[in-house]
């Protein structure tokens, strides 16, 4: 098993408007991307579990031509709200980093 953070070239999060966060997981080569994709370990359900959401709230897709995985979730607080601790959404990717991939 290998942590996703060791397999991906980049794992990032950012705003997708004031009401959503989006996550990008990008890979350097097709073999590693296919390893992760085919493992089933990175999925709508896995993202939902990591962020305590129902899976229906996660938008999720594989982008084969870019060797990337993308997911979007509702922001826990609207951007700019007093409860918003990360206005740009750039620090929200950490729970994805330790997903174990065979």
N, C-alpha and C. Protein backbone atom coordinates (compact mmCIF):
# COMPACT_ATOMS: atom_id res chain seq x y z
N UNK A 1 0.85 -1.19 0.00
CA UNK A 1 0.00 0.00 0.00
C UNK A 1 0.89 1.25 0.00
N UNK A 2 0.43 2.23 -0.76
CA UNK A 2 1.15 3.50 -0.87
C UNK A 2 0.18 4.65 -0.69
N UNK A 3 0.57 5.64 0.07
CA UNK A 3 -0.28 6.82 0.28
C UNK A 3 -0.43 7.58 -1.03
N UNK A 4 -1.63 8.06 -1.27
CA UNK A 4 -1.93 8.83 -2.48
C UNK A 4 -0.95 9.98 -2.66
N UNK A 5 -0.55 10.63 -1.58
CA UNK A 5 0.38 11.76 -1.66
C UNK A 5 1.72 11.36 -2.27
N UNK A 6 2.11 10.11 -2.15
CA UNK A 6 3.37 9.65 -2.73
C UNK A 6 3.22 9.29 -4.20
N UNK A 7 2.00 9.03 -4.64
CA UNK A 7 1.75 8.64 -6.03
C UNK A 7 1.41 9.83 -6.93
N UNK A 8 0.76 10.81 -6.37
CA UNK A 8 0.30 11.96 -7.17
C UNK A 8 1.40 12.99 -7.32
N UNK A 9 1.43 13.65 -8.46
CA UNK A 9 2.33 14.79 -8.66
C UNK A 9 1.84 15.98 -7.87
N UNK A 10 0.50 16.13 -7.82
CA UNK A 10 -0.10 17.28 -7.16
C UNK A 10 -1.47 16.90 -6.61
N UNK A 11 -1.73 17.27 -5.39
CA UNK A 11 -3.07 17.20 -4.81
C UNK A 11 -3.35 18.61 -4.30
N UNK A 12 -4.42 19.20 -4.80
CA UNK A 12 -4.72 20.58 -4.39
C UNK A 12 -6.21 20.77 -4.21
N UNK A 13 -6.53 21.82 -3.47
CA UNK A 13 -7.93 22.23 -3.31
C UNK A 13 -8.00 23.72 -3.59
N UNK A 14 -9.18 24.15 -4.01
CA UNK A 14 -9.39 25.58 -4.28
C UNK A 14 -10.88 25.85 -4.35
N UNK A 15 -11.21 27.10 -4.34
CA UNK A 15 -12.60 27.49 -4.47
C UNK A 15 -13.13 27.14 -5.85
N UNK A 16 -14.38 26.77 -5.88
CA UNK A 16 -15.11 26.62 -7.14
C UNK A 16 -16.35 27.51 -6.97
N UNK A 17 -16.11 28.77 -6.72
CA UNK A 17 -17.17 29.70 -6.37
C UNK A 17 -17.28 29.79 -4.86
N UNK A 18 -18.17 30.62 -4.35
CA UNK A 18 -18.26 30.83 -2.91
C UNK A 18 -18.95 29.69 -2.14
N UNK A 19 -19.53 28.74 -2.86
CA UNK A 19 -20.29 27.69 -2.19
C UNK A 19 -19.70 26.29 -2.35
N UNK A 20 -18.62 26.13 -3.12
CA UNK A 20 -18.04 24.82 -3.38
C UNK A 20 -16.52 24.86 -3.29
N UNK A 21 -15.96 23.71 -2.92
CA UNK A 21 -14.52 23.47 -3.00
C UNK A 21 -14.28 22.41 -4.06
N UNK A 22 -13.19 22.53 -4.77
CA UNK A 22 -12.85 21.50 -5.75
C UNK A 22 -11.45 20.97 -5.44
N UNK A 23 -11.27 19.70 -5.74
CA UNK A 23 -10.00 19.00 -5.49
C UNK A 23 -9.49 18.46 -6.81
N UNK A 24 -8.20 18.62 -7.04
CA UNK A 24 -7.55 18.07 -8.21
C UNK A 24 -6.44 17.15 -7.74
N UNK A 25 -6.41 15.96 -8.31
CA UNK A 25 -5.34 15.00 -8.04
C UNK A 25 -4.73 14.68 -9.39
N UNK A 26 -3.47 15.04 -9.57
CA UNK A 26 -2.82 14.92 -10.88
C UNK A 26 -1.61 14.00 -10.80
N UNK A 27 -1.36 13.32 -11.90
CA UNK A 27 -0.30 12.31 -11.95
C UNK A 27 0.68 12.61 -13.07
N UNK A 28 1.93 12.16 -12.89
CA UNK A 28 2.98 12.36 -13.89
C UNK A 28 2.89 11.39 -15.06
N UNK A 29 2.38 10.19 -14.81
CA UNK A 29 2.39 9.19 -15.87
C UNK A 29 1.12 8.36 -15.85
N UNK A 30 0.82 7.78 -17.00
CA UNK A 30 -0.42 7.03 -17.15
C UNK A 30 -0.46 5.78 -16.28
N UNK A 31 0.66 5.11 -16.10
CA UNK A 31 0.68 3.89 -15.28
C UNK A 31 0.26 4.17 -13.85
N UNK A 32 0.77 5.24 -13.27
CA UNK A 32 0.41 5.58 -11.89
C UNK A 32 -1.05 6.01 -11.81
N UNK A 33 -1.47 6.82 -12.77
CA UNK A 33 -2.88 7.24 -12.82
C UNK A 33 -3.79 6.02 -12.90
N UNK A 34 -3.49 5.08 -13.78
CA UNK A 34 -4.31 3.87 -13.93
C UNK A 34 -4.28 3.02 -12.65
N UNK A 35 -3.14 2.96 -12.01
CA UNK A 35 -3.03 2.21 -10.75
C UNK A 35 -4.03 2.75 -9.74
N UNK A 36 -4.06 4.06 -9.59
CA UNK A 36 -4.96 4.68 -8.63
C UNK A 36 -6.42 4.53 -9.08
N UNK A 37 -6.69 4.82 -10.33
CA UNK A 37 -8.06 4.73 -10.84
C UNK A 37 -8.60 3.30 -10.71
N UNK A 38 -7.81 2.33 -11.15
CA UNK A 38 -8.27 0.94 -11.14
C UNK A 38 -8.39 0.35 -9.74
N UNK A 39 -7.72 0.96 -8.77
CA UNK A 39 -7.78 0.45 -7.39
C UNK A 39 -9.16 0.66 -6.76
N UNK A 40 -9.87 1.68 -7.23
CA UNK A 40 -11.17 2.00 -6.63
C UNK A 40 -11.07 2.71 -5.29
N UNK A 41 -9.85 3.00 -4.85
CA UNK A 41 -9.66 3.62 -3.54
C UNK A 41 -9.97 5.11 -3.54
N UNK A 42 -9.87 5.75 -4.69
CA UNK A 42 -10.21 7.16 -4.82
C UNK A 42 -11.52 7.21 -5.59
N UNK A 43 -12.59 7.54 -4.87
CA UNK A 43 -13.93 7.47 -5.43
C UNK A 43 -14.81 8.54 -4.79
N UNK A 44 -15.99 8.67 -5.33
CA UNK A 44 -16.99 9.59 -4.74
C UNK A 44 -17.22 9.24 -3.27
N UNK A 45 -17.33 7.95 -2.99
CA UNK A 45 -17.59 7.50 -1.63
C UNK A 45 -16.41 7.78 -0.70
N UNK A 46 -15.19 7.61 -1.22
CA UNK A 46 -14.00 7.87 -0.40
C UNK A 46 -13.90 9.35 -0.05
N UNK A 47 -14.18 10.21 -1.01
CA UNK A 47 -14.15 11.66 -0.75
C UNK A 47 -15.23 12.02 0.26
N UNK A 48 -16.42 11.49 0.05
CA UNK A 48 -17.54 11.78 0.97
C UNK A 48 -17.18 11.37 2.40
N UNK A 49 -16.60 10.20 2.55
CA UNK A 49 -16.25 9.72 3.88
C UNK A 49 -15.21 10.62 4.52
N UNK A 50 -14.21 11.04 3.76
CA UNK A 50 -13.14 11.89 4.30
C UNK A 50 -13.65 13.25 4.77
N UNK A 51 -14.73 13.73 4.17
CA UNK A 51 -15.25 15.05 4.52
C UNK A 51 -16.59 14.99 5.25
N UNK A 52 -17.00 13.79 5.66
CA UNK A 52 -18.21 13.64 6.45
C UNK A 52 -19.48 14.06 5.71
N UNK A 53 -19.55 13.71 4.43
CA UNK A 53 -20.68 14.10 3.59
C UNK A 53 -21.38 12.87 3.03
N UNK A 54 -22.66 13.01 2.68
CA UNK A 54 -23.28 11.94 1.91
C UNK A 54 -22.68 11.92 0.50
N UNK A 55 -22.51 10.75 -0.09
CA UNK A 55 -21.86 10.66 -1.39
C UNK A 55 -22.60 11.44 -2.48
N UNK A 56 -23.90 11.62 -2.32
CA UNK A 56 -24.67 12.37 -3.33
C UNK A 56 -24.24 13.84 -3.40
N UNK A 57 -23.54 14.33 -2.36
CA UNK A 57 -23.08 15.72 -2.34
C UNK A 57 -21.72 15.91 -3.01
N UNK A 58 -21.12 14.83 -3.47
CA UNK A 58 -19.79 14.91 -4.08
C UNK A 58 -19.91 14.78 -5.60
N UNK A 59 -19.39 15.77 -6.31
CA UNK A 59 -19.26 15.67 -7.76
C UNK A 59 -17.88 15.07 -8.00
N UNK A 60 -17.81 14.02 -8.83
CA UNK A 60 -16.57 13.27 -8.95
C UNK A 60 -16.40 12.77 -10.37
N UNK A 61 -15.19 12.92 -10.93
CA UNK A 61 -14.93 12.31 -12.23
C UNK A 61 -13.45 12.12 -12.48
N UNK A 62 -13.16 11.18 -13.37
CA UNK A 62 -11.82 10.91 -13.85
C UNK A 62 -11.64 11.64 -15.17
N UNK A 63 -10.51 12.27 -15.33
CA UNK A 63 -10.19 12.97 -16.58
C UNK A 63 -8.97 12.27 -17.19
N UNK A 64 -9.25 11.21 -17.96
CA UNK A 64 -8.19 10.36 -18.48
C UNK A 64 -7.17 11.12 -19.32
N UNK A 65 -7.63 12.03 -20.16
CA UNK A 65 -6.70 12.74 -21.05
C UNK A 65 -5.76 13.68 -20.29
N UNK A 66 -6.11 14.06 -19.08
CA UNK A 66 -5.25 14.92 -18.26
C UNK A 66 -4.54 14.16 -17.15
N UNK A 67 -4.78 12.85 -17.06
CA UNK A 67 -4.22 12.02 -15.97
C UNK A 67 -4.55 12.64 -14.63
N UNK A 68 -5.84 12.94 -14.45
CA UNK A 68 -6.27 13.65 -13.25
C UNK A 68 -7.61 13.12 -12.74
N UNK A 69 -7.81 13.33 -11.47
CA UNK A 69 -9.08 13.02 -10.80
C UNK A 69 -9.58 14.33 -10.21
N UNK A 70 -10.86 14.58 -10.35
CA UNK A 70 -11.43 15.84 -9.86
C UNK A 70 -12.66 15.52 -9.00
N UNK A 71 -12.80 16.25 -7.92
CA UNK A 71 -13.98 16.12 -7.05
C UNK A 71 -14.33 17.51 -6.55
N UNK A 72 -15.62 17.74 -6.35
CA UNK A 72 -16.09 19.01 -5.76
C UNK A 72 -17.09 18.69 -4.67
N UNK A 73 -17.02 19.50 -3.60
CA UNK A 73 -17.92 19.33 -2.47
C UNK A 73 -18.46 20.69 -2.05
N UNK A 74 -19.59 20.70 -1.33
CA UNK A 74 -20.06 21.98 -0.78
C UNK A 74 -19.06 22.49 0.26
N UNK A 75 -18.83 23.79 0.27
CA UNK A 75 -17.97 24.37 1.29
C UNK A 75 -18.63 24.22 2.65
N UNK A 76 -17.86 23.96 3.70
CA UNK A 76 -18.44 23.87 5.04
C UNK A 76 -19.00 25.21 5.52
N UNK A 77 -18.42 26.30 5.03
CA UNK A 77 -18.92 27.65 5.32
C UNK A 77 -18.80 28.44 4.02
N UNK A 78 -19.74 29.30 3.76
CA UNK A 78 -19.70 30.12 2.55
C UNK A 78 -18.43 30.97 2.59
N UNK A 79 -17.77 31.11 1.45
CA UNK A 79 -16.54 31.89 1.37
C UNK A 79 -16.78 33.29 1.93
N UNK A 80 -15.91 33.70 2.84
CA UNK A 80 -15.99 35.02 3.43
C UNK A 80 -16.84 35.10 4.69
N UNK A 81 -17.58 34.04 5.00
CA UNK A 81 -18.38 34.01 6.22
C UNK A 81 -17.45 34.05 7.44
N UNK A 82 -17.94 34.51 8.56
CA UNK A 82 -17.13 34.56 9.78
C UNK A 82 -16.61 33.17 10.18
N UNK A 83 -17.33 32.13 9.82
CA UNK A 83 -16.91 30.76 10.14
C UNK A 83 -15.95 30.18 9.12
N UNK A 84 -15.64 30.90 8.07
CA UNK A 84 -14.76 30.41 7.01
C UNK A 84 -13.30 30.60 7.42
N UNK A 85 -12.63 29.50 7.71
CA UNK A 85 -11.25 29.55 8.16
C UNK A 85 -10.23 29.48 7.02
N UNK A 86 -10.70 29.26 5.79
CA UNK A 86 -9.80 29.12 4.65
C UNK A 86 -10.47 29.76 3.43
N UNK A 87 -10.36 31.07 3.34
CA UNK A 87 -11.07 31.83 2.31
C UNK A 87 -10.83 31.39 0.89
N UNK A 88 -9.63 30.88 0.60
CA UNK A 88 -9.33 30.45 -0.77
C UNK A 88 -9.51 28.95 -0.95
N UNK A 89 -9.79 28.23 0.11
CA UNK A 89 -9.99 26.79 0.02
C UNK A 89 -8.72 26.01 -0.26
N UNK A 90 -7.58 26.65 -0.15
CA UNK A 90 -6.32 26.03 -0.52
C UNK A 90 -5.75 25.04 0.49
N UNK A 91 -6.33 24.94 1.67
CA UNK A 91 -5.79 24.04 2.70
C UNK A 91 -6.70 22.85 2.97
N UNK A 92 -7.66 22.58 2.10
CA UNK A 92 -8.66 21.56 2.39
C UNK A 92 -8.34 20.18 1.81
N UNK A 93 -7.26 20.03 1.10
CA UNK A 93 -6.93 18.77 0.42
C UNK A 93 -6.32 17.72 1.34
N UNK A 94 -5.83 18.10 2.51
CA UNK A 94 -5.05 17.21 3.36
C UNK A 94 -5.72 15.85 3.65
N UNK A 95 -7.03 15.76 3.90
CA UNK A 95 -7.61 14.45 4.17
C UNK A 95 -7.48 13.44 3.03
N UNK A 96 -7.21 13.90 1.82
CA UNK A 96 -7.07 12.99 0.69
C UNK A 96 -5.67 12.38 0.61
N UNK A 97 -4.70 13.00 1.21
CA UNK A 97 -3.31 12.62 1.03
C UNK A 97 -2.96 11.22 1.52
N UNK A 98 -3.63 10.76 2.57
CA UNK A 98 -3.25 9.46 3.14
C UNK A 98 -4.16 8.32 2.71
N UNK A 99 -4.94 8.51 1.66
CA UNK A 99 -5.70 7.37 1.11
C UNK A 99 -4.68 6.33 0.64
N UNK A 100 -4.84 5.12 1.09
CA UNK A 100 -3.91 4.04 0.76
C UNK A 100 -4.32 3.34 -0.54
N UNK A 101 -3.37 3.22 -1.44
CA UNK A 101 -3.61 2.61 -2.75
C UNK A 101 -2.72 1.37 -2.88
N UNK A 102 -3.32 0.22 -3.24
CA UNK A 102 -2.48 -0.99 -3.40
C UNK A 102 -1.57 -0.90 -4.63
